[in-house]
Amino acid sequence: VYADNAATTPVTPAVLEAMTPWLM
């Protein structure tokens, strides 16, 4: 159980998908 979202949050699949073309 991840209950420390005020520290950081995971990158969601939608965000990663949006980012990937600009990396590769």
PDB file of all heavy atoms in Angstrom:
ATOM      1  N   VAL A   1       0.860  -1.187   0.000  1.00  0.00           N
ATOM      2  CA  VAL A   1       0.000   0.000   0.000  1.00  0.00           C
ATOM      3  C   VAL A   1       0.895   1.236   0.000  1.00  0.00           C
ATOM      4  O   VAL A   1       1.665   1.450   0.943  1.00  0.00           O
ATOM      5  CB  VAL A   1      -0.938   0.024   1.220  1.00  0.00           C
ATOM      6  CG1 VAL A   1      -1.731   1.329   1.241  1.00  0.00           C
ATOM      7  CG2 VAL A   1      -1.875  -1.169   1.201  1.00  0.00           C
ATOM      8  N   TYR A   2       0.786   2.038  -1.036  1.00  0.00           N
ATOM      9  CA  TYR A   2       1.548   3.284  -1.098  1.00  0.00           C
ATOM     10  C   TYR A   2       0.672   4.409  -0.555  1.00  0.00           C
ATOM     11  O   TYR A   2      -0.320   4.795  -1.181  1.00  0.00           O
ATOM     12  CB  TYR A   2       1.991   3.598  -2.528  1.00  0.00           C
ATOM     13  CG  TYR A   2       2.884   4.820  -2.587  1.00  0.00           C
ATOM     14  CD1 TYR A   2       4.199   4.746  -2.133  1.00  0.00           C
ATOM     15  CD2 TYR A   2       2.420   6.038  -3.060  1.00  0.00           C
ATOM     16  CE1 TYR A   2       5.020   5.855  -2.142  1.00  0.00           C
ATOM     17  CE2 TYR A   2       3.235   7.159  -3.079  1.00  0.00           C
ATOM     18  CZ  TYR A   2       4.532   7.066  -2.618  1.00  0.00           C
ATOM     19  OH  TYR A   2       5.353   8.169  -2.614  1.00  0.00           O
ATOM     20  N   ALA A   3       1.045   4.933   0.614  1.00  0.00           N
ATOM     21  CA  ALA A   3       0.268   5.992   1.261  1.00  0.00           C
ATOM     22  C   ALA A   3       1.173   7.167   1.610  1.00  0.00           C
ATOM     23  O   ALA A   3       1.081   7.754   2.690  1.00  0.00           O
ATOM     24  CB  ALA A   3      -0.416   5.451   2.506  1.00  0.00           C
ATOM     25  N   ASP A   4       2.052   7.524   0.675  1.00  0.00           N
ATOM     26  CA  ASP A   4       2.963   8.647   0.876  1.00  0.00           C
ATOM     27  C   ASP A   4       2.969   9.542  -0.362  1.00  0.00           C
ATOM     28  O   ASP A   4       4.024   9.991  -0.822  1.00  0.00           O
ATOM     29  CB  ASP A   4       4.372   8.141   1.201  1.00  0.00           C
ATOM     30  CG  ASP A   4       5.217   9.202   1.889  1.00  0.00           C
ATOM     31  OD1 ASP A   4       4.645  10.163   2.440  1.00  0.00           O
ATOM     32  OD2 ASP A   4       6.453   9.071   1.890  1.00  0.00           O
ATOM     33  N   ASN A   5       1.782   9.816  -0.879  1.00  0.00           N
ATOM     34  CA  ASN A   5       1.657  10.591  -2.112  1.00  0.00           C
ATOM     35  C   ASN A   5       2.039  12.060  -1.948  1.00  0.00           C
ATOM     36  O   ASN A   5       2.259  12.748  -2.956  1.00  0.00           O
ATOM     37  CB  ASN A   5       0.241  10.460  -2.653  1.00  0.00           C
ATOM     38  CG  ASN A   5      -0.032   9.075  -3.208  1.00  0.00           C
ATOM     39  OD1 ASN A   5       0.302   8.770  -4.351  1.00  0.00           O
ATOM     40  ND2 ASN A   5      -0.636   8.208  -2.391  1.00  0.00           N
ATOM     41  N   ALA A   6       2.106  12.539  -0.704  1.00  0.00           N
ATOM     42  CA  ALA A   6       2.591  13.903  -0.493  1.00  0.00           C
ATOM     43  C   ALA A   6       4.097  13.989  -0.715  1.00  0.00           C
ATOM     44  O   ALA A   6       4.634  15.074  -0.957  1.00  0.00           O
ATOM     45  CB  ALA A   6       2.241  14.387   0.911  1.00  0.00           C
ATOM     46  N   ALA A   7       4.794  12.850  -0.627  1.00  0.00           N
ATOM     47  CA  ALA A   7       6.239  12.816  -0.885  1.00  0.00           C
ATOM     48  C   ALA A   7       6.513  12.769  -2.382  1.00  0.00           C
ATOM     49  O   ALA A   7       7.326  13.531  -2.912  1.00  0.00           O
ATOM     50  CB  ALA A   7       6.868  11.612  -0.197  1.00  0.00           C
ATOM     51  N   THR A   8       5.832  11.859  -3.067  1.00  0.00           N
ATOM     52  CA  THR A   8       5.920  11.769  -4.523  1.00  0.00           C
ATOM     53  C   THR A   8       4.823  10.834  -5.000  1.00  0.00           C
ATOM     54  O   THR A   8       4.231  10.102  -4.205  1.00  0.00           O
ATOM     55  CB  THR A   8       7.305  11.276  -4.990  1.00  0.00           C
ATOM     56  OG1 THR A   8       7.476  11.557  -6.384  1.00  0.00           O
ATOM     57  CG2 THR A   8       7.479   9.772  -4.750  1.00  0.00           C
ATOM     58  N   THR A   9       4.567  10.860  -6.300  1.00  0.00           N
ATOM     59  CA  THR A   9       3.547   9.999  -6.888  1.00  0.00           C
ATOM     60  C   THR A   9       4.134   9.239  -8.077  1.00  0.00           C
ATOM     61  O   THR A   9       5.097   9.707  -8.696  1.00  0.00           O
ATOM     62  CB  THR A   9       2.343  10.823  -7.389  1.00  0.00           C
ATOM     63  OG1 THR A   9       2.799  11.783  -8.367  1.00  0.00           O
ATOM     64  CG2 THR A   9       1.645  11.548  -6.244  1.00  0.00           C
ATOM     65  N   PRO A  10       3.559   8.088  -8.411  1.00  0.00           N
ATOM     66  CA  PRO A  10       4.048   7.363  -9.583  1.00  0.00           C
ATOM     67  C   PRO A  10       3.617   8.045 -10.881  1.00  0.00           C
ATOM     68  O   PRO A  10       2.552   8.663 -10.948  1.00  0.00           O
ATOM     69  CB  PRO A  10       3.373   5.988  -9.450  1.00  0.00           C
ATOM     70  CG  PRO A  10       2.116   6.267  -8.698  1.00  0.00           C
ATOM     71  CD  PRO A  10       2.453   7.361  -7.731  1.00  0.00           C
ATOM     72  N   VAL A  11       4.458   7.942 -11.880  1.00  0.00           N
ATOM     73  CA  VAL A  11       4.062   8.389 -13.223  1.00  0.00           C
ATOM     74  C   VAL A  11       3.005   7.420 -13.748  1.00  0.00           C
ATOM     75  O   VAL A  11       3.202   6.202 -13.713  1.00  0.00           O
ATOM     76  CB  VAL A  11       5.285   8.430 -14.162  1.00  0.00           C
ATOM     77  CG1 VAL A  11       4.858   8.708 -15.599  1.00  0.00           C
ATOM     78  CG2 VAL A  11       6.278   9.487 -13.690  1.00  0.00           C
ATOM     79  N   THR A  12       1.893   7.953 -14.206  1.00  0.00           N
ATOM     80  CA  THR A  12       0.815   7.097 -14.702  1.00  0.00           C
ATOM     81  C   THR A  12       1.099   6.660 -16.143  1.00  0.00           C
ATOM     82  O   THR A  12       1.872   7.309 -16.861  1.00  0.00           O
ATOM     83  CB  THR A  12      -0.531   7.824 -14.656  1.00  0.00           C
ATOM     84  OG1 THR A  12      -0.438   9.018 -15.441  1.00  0.00           O
ATOM     85  CG2 THR A  12      -0.910   8.180 -13.230  1.00  0.00           C
ATOM     86  N   PRO A  13       0.474   5.572 -16.588  1.00  0.00           N
ATOM     87  CA  PRO A  13       0.680   5.118 -17.966  1.00  0.00           C
ATOM     88  C   PRO A  13       0.372   6.195 -19.006  1.00  0.00           C
ATOM     89  O   PRO A  13       1.097   6.325 -20.001  1.00  0.00           O
ATOM     90  CB  PRO A  13      -0.279   3.931 -18.085  1.00  0.00           C
ATOM     91  CG  PRO A  13      -0.372   3.381 -16.696  1.00  0.00           C
ATOM     92  CD  PRO A  13      -0.326   4.587 -15.806  1.00  0.00           C
ATOM     93  N   ALA A  14      -0.675   6.981 -18.793  1.00  0.00           N
ATOM     94  CA  ALA A  14      -1.031   8.026 -19.763  1.00  0.00           C
ATOM     95  C   ALA A  14       0.060   9.080 -19.861  1.00  0.00           C
ATOM     96  O   ALA A  14       0.379   9.563 -20.960  1.00  0.00           O
ATOM     97  CB  ALA A  14      -2.354   8.666 -19.361  1.00  0.00           C
ATOM     98  N   VAL A  15       0.648   9.442 -18.728  1.00  0.00           N
ATOM     99  CA  VAL A  15       1.717  10.443 -18.728  1.00  0.00           C
ATOM    100  C   VAL A  15       2.970   9.874 -19.393  1.00  0.00           C
ATOM    101  O   VAL A  15       3.618  10.543 -20.211  1.00  0.00           O
ATOM    102  CB  VAL A  15       2.016  10.909 -17.289  1.00  0.00           C
ATOM    103  CG1 VAL A  15       3.272  11.772 -17.239  1.00  0.00           C
ATOM    104  CG2 VAL A  15       0.825  11.673 -16.728  1.00  0.00           C
ATOM    105  N   LEU A  16       3.310   8.641 -19.066  1.00  0.00           N
ATOM    106  CA  LEU A  16       4.486   8.012 -19.685  1.00  0.00           C
ATOM    107  C   LEU A  16       4.306   7.888 -21.194  1.00  0.00           C
ATOM    108  O   LEU A  16       5.246   8.143 -21.968  1.00  0.00           O
ATOM    109  CB  LEU A  16       4.721   6.636 -19.067  1.00  0.00           C
ATOM    110  CG  LEU A  16       5.939   5.868 -19.585  1.00  0.00           C
ATOM    111  CD1 LEU A  16       7.227   6.645 -19.340  1.00  0.00           C
ATOM    112  CD2 LEU A  16       6.018   4.486 -18.941  1.00  0.00           C
ATOM    113  N   GLU A  17       3.113   7.533 -21.619  1.00  0.00           N
ATOM    114  CA  GLU A  17       2.844   7.412 -23.058  1.00  0.00           C
ATOM    115  C   GLU A  17       3.013   8.757 -23.754  1.00  0.00           C
ATOM    116  O   GLU A  17       3.559   8.828 -24.869  1.00  0.00           O
ATOM    117  CB  GLU A  17       1.424   6.884 -23.272  1.00  0.00           C
ATOM    118  CG  GLU A  17       1.065   6.669 -24.737  1.00  0.00           C
ATOM    119  CD  GLU A  17      -0.345   6.126 -24.930  1.00  0.00           C
ATOM    120  OE1 GLU A  17      -1.024   5.826 -23.924  1.00  0.00           O
ATOM    121  OE2 GLU A  17      -0.768   6.006 -26.095  1.00  0.00           O
ATOM    122  N   ALA A  18       2.564   9.832 -23.107  1.00  0.00           N
ATOM    123  CA  ALA A  18       2.720  11.163 -23.691  1.00  0.00           C
ATOM    124  C   ALA A  18       4.191  11.577 -23.778  1.00  0.00           C
ATOM    125  O   ALA A  18       4.609  12.261 -24.721  1.00  0.00           O
ATOM    126  CB  ALA A  18       1.933  12.184 -22.867  1.00  0.00           C
ATOM    127  N   MET A  19       4.991  11.145 -22.812  1.00  0.00           N
ATOM    128  CA  MET A  19       6.397  11.538 -22.745  1.00  0.00           C
ATOM    129  C   MET A  19       7.293  10.773 -23.711  1.00  0.00           C
ATOM    130  O   MET A  19       8.258  11.342 -24.249  1.00  0.00           O
ATOM    131  CB  MET A  19       6.925  11.306 -21.326  1.00  0.00           C
ATOM    132  CG  MET A  19       6.355  12.201 -20.256  1.00  0.00           C
ATOM    133  SD  MET A  19       6.912  11.680 -18.601  1.00  0.00           S
ATOM    134  CE  MET A  19       8.708  11.826 -18.777  1.00  0.00           C
ATOM    135  N   THR A  20       7.000   9.494 -23.917  1.00  0.00           N
ATOM    136  CA  THR A  20       7.940   8.590 -24.591  1.00  0.00           C
ATOM    137  C   THR A  20       8.417   9.072 -25.960  1.00  0.00           C
ATOM    138  O   THR A  20       9.631   9.000 -26.253  1.00  0.00           O
ATOM    139  CB  THR A  20       7.328   7.179 -24.689  1.00  0.00           C
ATOM    140  OG1 THR A  20       7.045   6.702 -23.370  1.00  0.00           O
ATOM    141  CG2 THR A  20       8.290   6.217 -25.367  1.00  0.00           C
ATOM    142  N   PRO A  21       7.550   9.577 -26.835  1.00  0.00           N
ATOM    143  CA  PRO A  21       8.054  10.025 -28.147  1.00  0.00           C
ATOM    144  C   PRO A  21       9.098  11.134 -28.047  1.00  0.00           C
ATOM    145  O   PRO A  21       9.971  11.255 -28.923  1.00  0.00           O
ATOM    146  CB  PRO A  21       6.791  10.535 -28.856  1.00  0.00           C
ATOM    147  CG  PRO A  21       5.657   9.853 -28.173  1.00  0.00           C
ATOM    148  CD  PRO A  21       6.082   9.715 -26.743  1.00  0.00           C
ATOM    149  N   TRP A  22       9.034  11.925 -26.977  1.00  0.00           N
ATOM    150  CA  TRP A  22       9.955  13.049 -26.826  1.00  0.00           C
ATOM    151  C   TRP A  22      11.268  12.637 -26.191  1.00  0.00           C
ATOM    152  O   TRP A  22      12.202  13.437 -26.088  1.00  0.00           O
ATOM    153  CB  TRP A  22       9.263  14.162 -26.037  1.00  0.00           C
ATOM    154  CG  TRP A  22       7.952  14.507 -26.670  1.00  0.00           C
ATOM    155  CD1 TRP A  22       6.715  14.080 -26.316  1.00  0.00           C
ATOM    156  CD2 TRP A  22       7.776  15.282 -27.855  1.00  0.00           C
ATOM    157  NE1 TRP A  22       5.772  14.550 -27.185  1.00  0.00           N
ATOM    158  CE2 TRP A  22       6.391  15.299 -28.142  1.00  0.00           C
ATOM    159  CE3 TRP A  22       8.649  15.986 -28.702  1.00  0.00           C
ATOM    160  CZ2 TRP A  22       5.860  15.975 -29.234  1.00  0.00           C
ATOM    161  CZ3 TRP A  22       8.122  16.666 -29.787  1.00  0.00           C
ATOM    162  CH2 TRP A  22       6.749  16.658 -30.049  1.00  0.00           C
ATOM    163  N   LEU A  23      11.351  11.372 -25.819  1.00  0.00           N
ATOM    164  CA  LEU A  23      12.601  10.798 -25.341  1.00  0.00           C
ATOM    165  C   LEU A  23      13.321  10.020 -26.434  1.00  0.00           C
ATOM    166  O   LEU A  23      14.554  10.021 -26.500  1.00  0.00           O
ATOM    167  CB  LEU A  23      12.328   9.847 -24.163  1.00  0.00           C
ATOM    168  CG  LEU A  23      11.885  10.476 -22.838  1.00  0.00           C
ATOM    169  CD1 LEU A  23      11.317   9.403 -21.919  1.00  0.00           C
ATOM    170  CD2 LEU A  23      13.061  11.186 -22.167  1.00  0.00           C
ATOM    171  N   MET A  24      12.540   9.359 -27.294  1.00  0.00           N
ATOM    172  CA  MET A  24      13.096   8.384 -28.234  1.00  0.00           C
ATOM    173  C   MET A  24      13.089   8.850 -29.686  1.00  0.00           C
ATOM    174  O   MET A  24      13.941   8.438 -30.475  1.00  0.00           O
ATOM    175  CB  MET A  24      12.302   7.081 -28.135  1.00  0.00           C
ATOM    176  CG  MET A  24      12.216   6.501 -26.732  1.00  0.00           C
ATOM    177  SD  MET A  24      13.797   5.906 -26.123  1.00  0.00           S
ATOM    178  CE  MET A  24      14.059   4.492 -27.202  1.00  0.00           C
TER     179      MET A  24
END
